[in-house]
C-alpha atoms as a PDB file:
ATOM      1  CA  UNK A   1      15.679  18.749   6.561  1.00  0.00           C
ATOM      2  CA  UNK A   2      15.190  19.495  10.154  1.00  0.00           C
ATOM      3  CA  UNK A   3      15.935  23.560   9.251  1.00  0.00           C
ATOM      4  CA  UNK A   4      13.159  23.244   6.527  1.00  0.00           C
ATOM      5  CA  UNK A   5      10.289  23.088   9.699  1.00  0.00           C
ATOM      6  CA  UNK A   6       9.100  26.858  11.192  1.00  0.00           C
ATOM      7  CA  UNK A   7      11.427  26.848  14.907  1.00  0.00           C
ATOM      8  CA  UNK A   8       7.844  26.514  16.682  1.00  0.00           C
ATOM      9  CA  UNK A   9       7.660  23.037  15.218  1.00  0.00           C
ATOM     10  CA  UNK A  10      11.155  21.680  15.449  1.00  0.00           C
ATOM     11  CA  UNK A  11      11.358  20.503  19.132  1.00  0.00           C
ATOM     12  CA  UNK A  12       7.963  18.152  17.925  1.00  0.00           C
ATOM     13  CA  UNK A  13       9.250  17.100  15.184  1.00  0.00           C
ATOM     14  CA  UNK A  14      13.102  16.269  16.814  1.00  0.00           C
ATOM     15  CA  UNK A  15      10.789  14.639  19.435  1.00  0.00           C
ATOM     16  CA  UNK A  16       8.678  12.094  16.923  1.00  0.00           C
ATOM     17  CA  UNK A  17      11.525  11.398  14.930  1.00  0.00           C
ATOM     18  CA  UNK A  18      13.772   9.888  18.024  1.00  0.00           C
ATOM     19  CA  UNK A  19      10.459   7.946  18.416  1.00  0.00           C
ATOM     20  CA  UNK A  20      10.572   6.357  15.059  1.00  0.00           C
ATOM     21  CA  UNK A  21      14.263   6.056  14.857  1.00  0.00           C
ATOM     22  CA  UNK A  22      14.227   3.706  18.217  1.00  0.00           C
ATOM     23  CA  UNK A  23      11.294   1.594  15.893  1.00  0.00           C
ATOM     24  CA  UNK A  24      11.711   1.782  12.350  1.00  0.00           C
ATOM     25  CA  UNK A  25       9.259  -1.122  11.670  1.00  0.00           C
ATOM     26  CA  UNK A  26       6.147   0.828  13.604  1.00  0.00           C
ATOM     27  CA  UNK A  27       6.967   4.075  11.751  1.00  0.00           C
ATOM     28  CA  UNK A  28       4.645   5.549   9.307  1.00  0.00           C
ATOM     29  CA  UNK A  29       6.235   8.754   7.521  1.00  0.00           C
ATOM     30  CA  UNK A  30       3.999  12.145   6.429  1.00  0.00           C
ATOM     31  CA  UNK A  31       4.462  15.418   4.566  1.00  0.00           C
ATOM     32  CA  UNK A  32       4.481  18.369   6.817  1.00  0.00           C
ATOM     33  CA  UNK A  33       4.522  19.600   9.999  1.00  0.00           C
ATOM     34  CA  UNK A  34       3.248  18.100  13.663  1.00  0.00           C
ATOM     35  CA  UNK A  35      -0.287  18.930  13.866  1.00  0.00           C
ATOM     36  CA  UNK A  36      -1.027  18.685   9.434  1.00  0.00           C
ATOM     37  CA  UNK A  37      -4.057  16.716   8.715  1.00  0.00           C
ATOM     38  CA  UNK A  38      -1.346  13.961   7.174  1.00  0.00           C
ATOM     39  CA  UNK A  39      -0.282  13.500  10.821  1.00  0.00           C
ATOM     40  CA  UNK A  40      -4.389  13.171  10.832  1.00  0.00           C
ATOM     41  CA  UNK A  41      -4.569  11.049   8.588  1.00  0.00           C
ATOM     42  CA  UNK A  42      -1.057   8.848  10.137  1.00  0.00           C
ATOM     43  CA  UNK A  43      -2.816   8.540  13.486  1.00  0.00           C
ATOM     44  CA  UNK A  44      -6.317   7.470  11.911  1.00  0.00           C
ATOM     45  CA  UNK A  45      -5.471   4.432   9.529  1.00  0.00           C
ATOM     46  CA  UNK A  46      -2.648   3.859  12.033  1.00  0.00           C
ATOM     47  CA  UNK A  47      -3.392   4.457  15.001  1.00  0.00           C
ATOM     48  CA  UNK A  48      -0.378   2.087  17.032  1.00  0.00           C
ATOM     49  CA  UNK A  49       2.323   4.022  14.972  1.00  0.00           C
ATOM     50  CA  UNK A  50       4.317   6.096  15.335  1.00  0.00           C
ATOM     51  CA  UNK A  51       3.669   9.282  12.901  1.00  0.00           C
ATOM     52  CA  UNK A  52       6.989  10.557  11.186  1.00  0.00           C
ATOM     53  CA  UNK A  53       7.223  13.509   9.873  1.00  0.00           C
ATOM     54  CA  UNK A  54       8.625  15.019   6.605  1.00  0.00           C
ATOM     55  CA  UNK A  55       8.969  18.630   4.761  1.00  0.00           C
ATOM     56  CA  UNK A  56       8.234  17.099   1.597  1.00  0.00           C
ATOM     57  CA  UNK A  57       6.204  13.917  -0.393  1.00  0.00           C
ATOM     58  CA  UNK A  58       9.796  13.088  -1.755  1.00  0.00           C
ATOM     59  CA  UNK A  59      11.187  13.168   1.702  1.00  0.00           C
ATOM     60  CA  UNK A  60       8.402  10.285   3.476  1.00  0.00           C
ATOM     61  CA  UNK A  61       8.693   8.257   0.098  1.00  0.00           C
ATOM     62  CA  UNK A  62      12.397   8.185   1.041  1.00  0.00           C
ATOM     63  CA  UNK A  63      11.607   7.890   4.516  1.00  0.00           C
ATOM     64  CA  UNK A  64      10.206   4.139   3.397  1.00  0.00           C
ATOM     65  CA  UNK A  65      13.522   3.533   0.623  1.00  0.00           C
ATOM     66  CA  UNK A  66      15.855   3.956   3.704  1.00  0.00           C
ATOM     67  CA  UNK A  67      14.495   1.759   6.050  1.00  0.00           C
ATOM     68  CA  UNK A  68      13.217   4.913   8.647  1.00  0.00           C
ATOM     69  CA  UNK A  69       9.618   4.327   8.086  1.00  0.00           C
ATOM     70  CA  UNK A  70       7.992   1.018   7.380  1.00  0.00           C
ATOM     71  CA  UNK A  71       5.526   3.024   5.705  1.00  0.00           C
ATOM     72  CA  UNK A  72       4.422   6.339   4.368  1.00  0.00           C
ATOM     73  CA  UNK A  73       0.945   8.208   3.665  1.00  0.00           C
ATOM     74  CA  UNK A  74       0.071  10.750   1.036  1.00  0.00           C
ATOM     75  CA  UNK A  75      -3.104  12.788  -0.027  1.00  0.00           C
ATOM     76  CA  UNK A  76      -4.066  12.346  -3.673  1.00  0.00           C
ATOM     77  CA  UNK A  77      -7.088  14.227  -4.230  1.00  0.00           C
ATOM     78  CA  UNK A  78      -9.358  15.711  -2.840  1.00  0.00           C
ATOM     79  CA  UNK A  79     -13.510  15.655  -3.130  1.00  0.00           C
ATOM     80  CA  UNK A  80     -13.133  19.723  -3.591  1.00  0.00           C
ATOM     81  CA  UNK A  81     -10.001  20.408  -4.979  1.00  0.00           C
ATOM     82  CA  UNK A  82      -8.760  17.695  -7.610  1.00  0.00           C
ATOM     83  CA  UNK A  83      -5.152  15.972  -7.244  1.00  0.00           C
ATOM     84  CA  UNK A  84      -3.243  16.414  -4.540  1.00  0.00           C
ATOM     85  CA  UNK A  85       0.402  15.056  -4.709  1.00  0.00           C
ATOM     86  CA  UNK A  86       1.458  14.114  -7.928  1.00  0.00           C
ATOM     87  CA  UNK A  87       1.847  10.593  -7.332  1.00  0.00           C
ATOM     88  CA  UNK A  88       1.782   9.696 -11.073  1.00  0.00           C
ATOM     89  CA  UNK A  89       5.283  10.822 -10.566  1.00  0.00           C
ATOM     90  CA  UNK A  90       6.600  10.378  -7.410  1.00  0.00           C
ATOM     91  CA  UNK A  91       5.086   6.444  -6.957  1.00  0.00           C
ATOM     92  CA  UNK A  92       6.441   5.248 -10.310  1.00  0.00           C
ATOM     93  CA  UNK A  93       9.928   6.188  -9.064  1.00  0.00           C
ATOM     94  CA  UNK A  94       9.686   5.611  -5.796  1.00  0.00           C
ATOM     95  CA  UNK A  95       9.563   1.842  -6.641  1.00  0.00           C
ATOM     96  CA  UNK A  96       7.012   1.421  -4.040  1.00  0.00           C
ATOM     97  CA  UNK A  97       3.697   0.120  -3.551  1.00  0.00           C
ATOM     98  CA  UNK A  98       0.029   0.980  -2.437  1.00  0.00           C
ATOM     99  CA  UNK A  99      -0.865  -1.070   0.069  1.00  0.00           C
ATOM    100  CA  UNK A 100      -4.097   0.697   1.329  1.00  0.00           C
ATOM    101  CA  UNK A 101      -6.135   3.760   1.273  1.00  0.00           C
ATOM    102  CA  UNK A 102      -7.459   5.888   4.208  1.00  0.00           C
ATOM    103  CA  UNK A 103     -11.012   8.638   3.685  1.00  0.00           C
ATOM    104  CA  UNK A 104     -11.028  11.756   5.924  1.00  0.00           C
ATOM    105  CA  UNK A 105     -12.969  14.483   6.059  1.00  0.00           C
ATOM    106  CA  UNK A 106     -10.941  17.905   5.798  1.00  0.00           C
ATOM    107  CA  UNK A 107     -12.343  21.262   7.803  1.00  0.00           C
ATOM    108  CA  UNK A 108     -10.290  24.222   8.709  1.00  0.00           C
ATOM    109  CA  UNK A 109     -10.236  26.611  10.563  1.00  0.00           C
ATOM    110  CA  UNK A 110      -8.854  30.282  10.344  1.00  0.00           C
ATOM    111  CA  UNK A 111      -6.171  31.100  13.260  1.00  0.00           C
ATOM    112  CA  UNK A 112      -3.424  34.075  14.475  1.00  0.00           C
ATOM    113  CA  UNK A 113      -2.398  35.784  17.918  1.00  0.00           C
ATOM    114  CA  UNK A 114      -4.358  38.137  19.265  1.00  0.00           C
ATOM    115  CA  UNK A 115      -3.498  42.223  19.262  1.00  0.00           C
ATOM    116  CA  UNK A 116      -2.965  43.186  22.632  1.00  0.00           C
ATOM    117  CA  UNK A 117      -6.348  44.027  23.245  1.00  0.00           C
ATOM    118  CA  UNK A 118      -7.536  40.760  22.806  1.00  0.00           C
ATOM    119  CA  UNK A 119      -9.275  41.071  19.254  1.00  0.00           C
ATOM    120  CA  UNK A 120      -8.640  38.888  15.871  1.00  0.00           C
ATOM    121  CA  UNK A 121      -7.834  40.464  12.818  1.00  0.00           C
ATOM    122  CA  UNK A 122      -9.022  42.108  10.623  1.00  0.00           C
ATOM    123  CA  UNK A 123      -6.325  39.649   8.301  1.00  0.00           C
ATOM    124  CA  UNK A 124      -4.166  41.114   5.264  1.00  0.00           C
ATOM    125  CA  UNK A 125      -2.666  37.576   4.205  1.00  0.00           C
ATOM    126  CA  UNK A 126      -3.509  33.523   4.962  1.00  0.00           C
ATOM    127  CA  UNK A 127      -0.906  31.195   5.179  1.00  0.00           C
ATOM    128  CA  UNK A 128      -1.296  27.445   3.779  1.00  0.00           C
ATOM    129  CA  UNK A 129      -1.002  24.507   1.843  1.00  0.00           C
ATOM    130  CA  UNK A 130      -2.109  25.206  -1.606  1.00  0.00           C
ATOM    131  CA  UNK A 131      -5.086  22.589  -1.518  1.00  0.00           C
ATOM    132  CA  UNK A 132      -6.485  24.117   1.593  1.00  0.00           C
ATOM    133  CA  UNK A 133      -6.339  27.921   0.276  1.00  0.00           C
ATOM    134  CA  UNK A 134      -7.905  26.573  -2.926  1.00  0.00           C
ATOM    135  CA  UNK A 135     -10.514  24.379  -0.819  1.00  0.00           C
ATOM    136  CA  UNK A 136     -11.131  28.006   1.325  1.00  0.00           C
ATOM    137  CA  UNK A 137     -10.816  30.465  -1.628  1.00  0.00           C
ATOM    138  CA  UNK A 138     -14.512  31.680  -1.565  1.00  0.00           C
ATOM    139  CA  UNK A 139     -14.304  32.233   2.072  1.00  0.00           C
ATOM    140  CA  UNK A 140     -11.169  34.059   1.548  1.00  0.00           C
ATOM    141  CA  UNK A 141     -11.932  35.955  -1.250  1.00  0.00           C
ATOM    142  CA  UNK A 142     -15.402  37.235   0.531  1.00  0.00           C
ATOM    143  CA  UNK A 143     -13.277  38.593   3.453  1.00  0.00           C
ATOM    144  CA  UNK A 144     -10.522  40.357   1.067  1.00  0.00           C
ATOM    145  CA  UNK A 145      -7.779  37.952   2.835  1.00  0.00           C
ATOM    146  CA  UNK A 146      -4.258  37.718   0.644  1.00  0.00           C
ATOM    147  CA  UNK A 147      -4.320  33.649   0.331  1.00  0.00           C
ATOM    148  CA  UNK A 148      -0.113  32.990   0.276  1.00  0.00           C
ATOM    149  CA  UNK A 149       1.421  29.593  -0.336  1.00  0.00           C
ATOM    150  CA  UNK A 150       3.146  27.624   2.692  1.00  0.00           C
ATOM    151  CA  UNK A 151       4.972  23.676   2.559  1.00  0.00           C
ATOM    152  CA  UNK A 152       2.026  22.268   4.924  1.00  0.00           C
ATOM    153  CA  UNK A 153      -0.870  23.489   6.840  1.00  0.00           C
ATOM    154  CA  UNK A 154       0.021  22.833  10.204  1.00  0.00           C
ATOM    155  CA  UNK A 155       3.530  24.620   9.372  1.00  0.00           C
ATOM    156  CA  UNK A 156       1.987  28.014   7.910  1.00  0.00           C
ATOM    157  CA  UNK A 157       0.260  27.939  11.394  1.00  0.00           C
ATOM    158  CA  UNK A 158       4.229  27.674  13.385  1.00  0.00           C
ATOM    159  CA  UNK A 159       5.165  30.058  10.855  1.00  0.00           C
ATOM    160  CA  UNK A 160       2.446  32.600  11.962  1.00  0.00           C
ATOM    161  CA  UNK A 161       3.742  31.642  15.554  1.00  0.00           C
ATOM    162  CA  UNK A 162       6.999  32.736  14.633  1.00  0.00           C
ATOM    163  CA  UNK A 163       6.517  35.901  12.741  1.00  0.00           C
ATOM    164  CA  UNK A 164       4.440  37.304  16.182  1.00  0.00           C
ATOM    165  CA  UNK A 165       1.843  39.618  13.075  1.00  0.00           C
ATOM    166  CA  UNK A 166      -1.259  39.720  14.125  1.00  0.00           C
ATOM    167  CA  UNK A 167      -2.004  41.043  11.188  1.00  0.00           C
ATOM    168  CA  UNK A 168      -1.177  37.504   9.327  1.00  0.00           C
ATOM    169  CA  UNK A 169      -3.490  34.425   9.966  1.00  0.00           C
ATOM    170  CA  UNK A 170      -3.428  30.362   8.762  1.00  0.00           C
ATOM    171  CA  UNK A 171      -5.720  27.914   7.785  1.00  0.00           C
ATOM    172  CA  UNK A 172      -4.620  24.601   9.700  1.00  0.00           C
ATOM    173  CA  UNK A 173      -6.466  22.103  11.649  1.00  0.00           C
ATOM    174  CA  UNK A 174      -7.916  22.915  14.980  1.00  0.00           C
ATOM    175  CA  UNK A 175      -4.877  21.287  16.145  1.00  0.00           C
ATOM    176  CA  UNK A 176      -2.181  23.376  14.924  1.00  0.00           C
ATOM    177  CA  UNK A 177      -3.620  26.152  16.674  1.00  0.00           C
ATOM    178  CA  UNK A 178      -2.802  23.778  20.128  1.00  0.00           C
ATOM    179  CA  UNK A 179      -0.015  23.022  19.330  1.00  0.00           C
ATOM    180  CA  UNK A 180       1.325  26.566  18.568  1.00  0.00           C
ATOM    181  CA  UNK A 181      -0.457  28.649  20.542  1.00  0.00           C
ATOM    182  CA  UNK A 182      -2.234  30.731  18.038  1.00  0.00           C
ATOM    183  CA  UNK A 183      -6.523  31.368  18.601  1.00  0.00           C
ATOM    184  CA  UNK A 184      -8.898  30.285  15.992  1.00  0.00           C
ATOM    185  CA  UNK A 185     -10.376  33.067  14.602  1.00  0.00           C
ATOM    186  CA  UNK A 186     -13.331  31.015  12.825  1.00  0.00           C
ATOM    187  CA  UNK A 187     -13.264  27.062  12.488  1.00  0.00           C
ATOM    188  CA  UNK A 188     -14.779  24.952   9.407  1.00  0.00           C
ATOM    189  CA  UNK A 189     -13.892  28.407   6.717  1.00  0.00           C
ATOM    190  CA  UNK A 190     -13.905  25.140   3.913  1.00  0.00           C
ATOM    191  CA  UNK A 191     -16.067  25.790   1.395  1.00  0.00           C
ATOM    192  CA  UNK A 192     -17.790  22.529   1.413  1.00  0.00           C
ATOM    193  CA  UNK A 193     -19.511  20.658   3.894  1.00  0.00           C
ATOM    194  CA  UNK A 194     -18.421  17.338   2.548  1.00  0.00           C
ATOM    195  CA  UNK A 195     -14.784  18.465   1.726  1.00  0.00           C
ATOM    196  CA  UNK A 196     -13.094  14.809   1.572  1.00  0.00           C
ATOM    197  CA  UNK A 197      -9.428  13.866   1.082  1.00  0.00           C
ATOM    198  CA  UNK A 198      -8.284  10.259  -0.229  1.00  0.00           C
ATOM    199  CA  UNK A 199      -4.802   9.227   1.296  1.00  0.00           C
ATOM    200  CA  UNK A 200      -2.932   6.293  -0.063  1.00  0.00           C
ATOM    201  CA  UNK A 201      -0.625   3.883   2.058  1.00  0.00           C
ATOM    202  CA  UNK A 202       2.932   2.868   0.397  1.00  0.00           C
ATOM    203  CA  UNK A 203       5.638   0.380   1.589  1.00  0.00           C
ATOM    204  CA  UNK A 204       8.261  -1.196   0.106  1.00  0.00           C
ATOM    205  CA  UNK A 205       6.616  -4.957  -0.661  1.00  0.00           C
ATOM    206  CA  UNK A 206       3.516  -5.163  -2.533  1.00  0.00           C
ATOM    207  CA  UNK A 207       0.314  -7.016  -0.989  1.00  0.00           C
ATOM    208  CA  UNK A 208      -0.166 -10.197  -2.525  1.00  0.00           C
ATOM    209  CA  UNK A 209      -3.332  -9.723  -4.516  1.00  0.00           C
ATOM    210  CA  UNK A 210      -4.144 -13.542  -3.626  1.00  0.00           C
ATOM    211  CA  UNK A 211      -4.665 -12.163   0.333  1.00  0.00           C
ATOM    212  CA  UNK A 212      -7.031 -10.061  -0.796  1.00  0.00           C
ATOM    213  CA  UNK A 213      -9.253 -12.765  -2.243  1.00  0.00           C
ATOM    214  CA  UNK A 214     -13.326 -12.618  -1.055  1.00  0.00           C
ATOM    215  CA  UNK A 215     -12.292  -8.642   0.338  1.00  0.00           C
ATOM    216  CA  UNK A 216     -13.624  -5.666  -1.676  1.00  0.00           C
ATOM    217  CA  UNK A 217     -10.201  -4.500  -3.152  1.00  0.00           C
ATOM    218  CA  UNK A 218      -8.865  -2.055  -5.903  1.00  0.00           C
ATOM    219  CA  UNK A 219      -5.903  -2.337  -8.136  1.00  0.00           C
ATOM    220  CA  UNK A 220      -3.854   1.015  -9.540  1.00  0.00           C
ATOM    221  CA  UNK A 221      -1.841   1.344 -12.184  1.00  0.00           C
ATOM    222  CA  UNK A 222      -0.561   3.105 -14.904  1.00  0.00           C
ATOM    223  CA  UNK A 223      -0.033   2.444 -18.729  1.00  0.00           C
ATOM    224  CA  UNK A 224       1.469   4.216 -21.869  1.00  0.00           C
ATOM    225  CA  UNK A 225      -1.013   3.667 -24.796  1.00  0.00           C
ATOM    226  CA  UNK A 226       0.835   2.933 -28.147  1.00  0.00           C
ATOM    227  CA  UNK A 227       0.870   6.005 -30.480  1.00  0.00           C
ATOM    228  CA  UNK A 228      -1.983   5.606 -32.806  1.00  0.00           C
ATOM    229  CA  UNK A 229      -5.385   6.260 -33.729  1.00  0.00           C
ATOM    230  CA  UNK A 230      -7.947   5.140 -30.656  1.00  0.00           C
ATOM    231  CA  UNK A 231      -4.922   3.858 -28.542  1.00  0.00           C
ATOM    232  CA  UNK A 232      -7.051   4.407 -25.281  1.00  0.00           C
ATOM    233  CA  UNK A 233     -10.355   3.656 -27.048  1.00  0.00           C
ATOM    234  CA  UNK A 234      -8.725  -0.121 -27.458  1.00  0.00           C
ATOM    235  CA  UNK A 235      -7.388  -0.276 -24.277  1.00  0.00           C
ATOM    236  CA  UNK A 236     -10.068   0.853 -22.127  1.00  0.00           C
ATOM    237  CA  UNK A 237     -12.201  -2.018 -24.398  1.00  0.00           C
ATOM    238  CA  UNK A 238     -11.300  -4.923 -22.153  1.00  0.00           C
ATOM    239  CA  UNK A 239     -12.364  -3.050 -19.049  1.00  0.00           C
ATOM    240  CA  UNK A 240     -16.204  -2.869 -20.535  1.00  0.00           C
ATOM    241  CA  UNK A 241     -16.114  -6.380 -21.934  1.00  0.00           C
ATOM    242  CA  UNK A 242     -15.013  -7.834 -18.521  1.00  0.00           C
ATOM    243  CA  UNK A 243     -17.456  -5.885 -17.001  1.00  0.00           C
ATOM    244  CA  UNK A 244     -14.826  -4.469 -14.244  1.00  0.00           C
ATOM    245  CA  UNK A 245     -15.076  -1.154 -12.853  1.00  0.00           C
ATOM    246  CA  UNK A 246     -12.722   1.703 -13.846  1.00  0.00           C
ATOM    247  CA  UNK A 247     -13.367   4.407 -11.010  1.00  0.00           C
ATOM    248  CA  UNK A 248     -10.248   6.804 -11.856  1.00  0.00           C
ATOM    249  CA  UNK A 249      -8.921   7.997 -15.544  1.00  0.00           C
ATOM    250  CA  UNK A 250      -6.284  10.435 -15.183  1.00  0.00           C
ATOM    251  CA  UNK A 251      -4.028  11.531 -18.056  1.00  0.00           C
ATOM    252  CA  UNK A 252      -0.679  13.305 -17.438  1.00  0.00           C
ATOM    253  CA  UNK A 253       2.286  13.821 -20.303  1.00  0.00           C
ATOM    254  CA  UNK A 254       5.945  12.884 -19.290  1.00  0.00           C
ATOM    255  CA  UNK A 255       8.414  14.725 -21.075  1.00  0.00           C
ATOM    256  CA  UNK A 256       8.359  17.025 -23.657  1.00  0.00           C
ATOM    257  CA  UNK A 257       7.577  15.714 -27.039  1.00  0.00           C
ATOM    258  CA  UNK A 258       3.908  15.255 -26.148  1.00  0.00           C
ATOM    259  CA  UNK A 259       3.622  12.522 -28.515  1.00  0.00           C
ATOM    260  CA  UNK A 260       1.957   9.890 -26.042  1.00  0.00           C
ATOM    261  CA  UNK A 261       0.250  10.594 -22.638  1.00  0.00           C
ATOM    262  CA  UNK A 262       0.776   8.326 -20.081  1.00  0.00           C
ATOM    263  CA  UNK A 263      -2.287   7.600 -17.528  1.00  0.00           C
ATOM    264  CA  UNK A 264      -3.337   7.049 -14.358  1.00  0.00           C
ATOM    265  CA  UNK A 265      -5.733   4.457 -12.955  1.00  0.00           C
ATOM    266  CA  UNK A 266      -7.808   2.853 -10.536  1.00  0.00           C
ATOM    267  CA  UNK A 267     -10.542  -0.216 -10.759  1.00  0.00           C
ATOM    268  CA  UNK A 268     -11.700  -2.442  -8.771  1.00  0.00           C
ATOM    269  CA  UNK A 269     -10.498  -5.907  -7.972  1.00  0.00           C
ATOM    270  CA  UNK A 270      -7.246  -7.384  -7.767  1.00  0.00           C
ATOM    271  CA  UNK A 271      -5.164 -10.097 -10.218  1.00  0.00           C
ATOM    272  CA  UNK A 272      -5.931 -13.232  -9.779  1.00  0.00           C
ATOM    273  CA  UNK A 273      -9.896 -12.469 -10.630  1.00  0.00           C
ATOM    274  CA  UNK A 274     -10.345 -13.643 -14.251  1.00  0.00           C
ATOM    275  CA  UNK A 275     -12.312 -11.096 -15.639  1.00  0.00           C
ATOM    276  CA  UNK A 276      -9.135  -8.366 -13.732  1.00  0.00           C
ATOM    277  CA  UNK A 277      -6.894 -10.768 -15.110  1.00  0.00           C
ATOM    278  CA  UNK A 278      -7.749 -10.740 -18.543  1.00  0.00           C
ATOM    279  CA  UNK A 279      -8.838  -7.060 -18.427  1.00  0.00           C
ATOM    280  CA  UNK A 280      -5.495  -5.947 -17.950  1.00  0.00           C
ATOM    281  CA  UNK A 281      -4.011  -8.378 -20.703  1.00  0.00           C
ATOM    282  CA  UNK A 282      -5.917  -6.949 -23.185  1.00  0.00           C
ATOM    283  CA  UNK A 283      -4.578  -3.637 -22.012  1.00  0.00           C
ATOM    284  CA  UNK A 284      -0.818  -4.507 -21.534  1.00  0.00           C
ATOM    285  CA  UNK A 285      -1.614  -5.571 -25.406  1.00  0.00           C
ATOM    286  CA  UNK A 286      -2.496  -2.303 -26.302  1.00  0.00           C
ATOM    287  CA  UNK A 287       0.476  -0.082 -24.257  1.00  0.00           C
ATOM    288  CA  UNK A 288       3.289   0.037 -24.643  1.00  0.00           C
ATOM    289  CA  UNK A 289       3.790  -0.043 -20.975  1.00  0.00           C
ATOM    290  CA  UNK A 290       1.929  -1.141 -17.865  1.00  0.00           C
ATOM    291  CA  UNK A 291       3.106  -0.720 -14.529  1.00  0.00           C
ATOM    292  CA  UNK A 292       0.982  -1.932 -11.846  1.00  0.00           C
ATOM    293  CA  UNK A 293       1.422  -0.057  -7.976  1.00  0.00           C
ATOM    294  CA  UNK A 294      -0.735  -1.801  -6.312  1.00  0.00           C
ATOM    295  CA  UNK A 295      -4.167  -3.887  -5.324  1.00  0.00           C
ATOM    296  CA  UNK A 296      -5.273  -2.928  -1.508  1.00  0.00           C
ATOM    297  CA  UNK A 297      -8.466  -3.838   0.779  1.00  0.00           C
ATOM    298  CA  UNK A 298     -10.960  -1.011   0.057  1.00  0.00           C
ATOM    299  CA  UNK A 299     -11.673   1.455   2.833  1.00  0.00           C
ATOM    300  CA  UNK A 300     -15.031   2.374   1.057  1.00  0.00           C
ATOM    301  CA  UNK A 301     -17.135   0.170  -1.286  1.00  0.00           C
ATOM    302  CA  UNK A 302     -17.337   2.494  -4.412  1.00  0.00           C
ATOM    303  CA  UNK A 303     -20.340   2.195  -6.474  1.00  0.00           C
END
């Protein structure tokens, strides 16, 4: 989907795609243009690997399924603005497994092309990914700048560079200004100083939980409860009685019936731990379906 990237990004995308194609076993796919936060996350999480830019989350997952990359890195939640990618839908449908996680502090900059006299602004609109706009919404509102959605942060910077209009700006990482020839009007425009995004690393094959023995581990799964009274209460009981810490539980609907919820959950521990095995067995008994999406090493301790 090369035609989907803004023109200023195309040459870099082609170069990175060629490098990944020459060594797909060392390629890690990410969503966005070069310079996006996911690009930075890929280089931080697996610094020896070759970042492969993809236009959408689905494209990044397809790159792994098709063998063009050995792994993908996807942002799933932000400390300030909540859920990023709908991993609840994307991951089960992809058939891939979570094999790792990465936490990354996020800082945004407002950038644009200067006027002929070298001045910057005032800006009428700012383009960025909806997450970045949400993380900077107070900043934008106070300055009367209209937020406009773009596919990714660095892509927004490339788009602003392509338009050659000094009245529009982008919110993106500082690196994007360097890559696309923009000038930074202001750094750290995010509304919270402790802005953090959690990414997950995906691969074809799940890790063997036995390989995680003795290390702090996480397990992620989705399940659908039976459509009976107190089904979720009963399904969760095994985690309480076995002392298994659940750090995340989100509900979402599949289909239009709205008859029963599907849940996405993270727990501390991995199968093979007797307490985790008992809790998952009880969960399965009270659920219509249960699917483990992966067990992996904690990058950051919980609790």
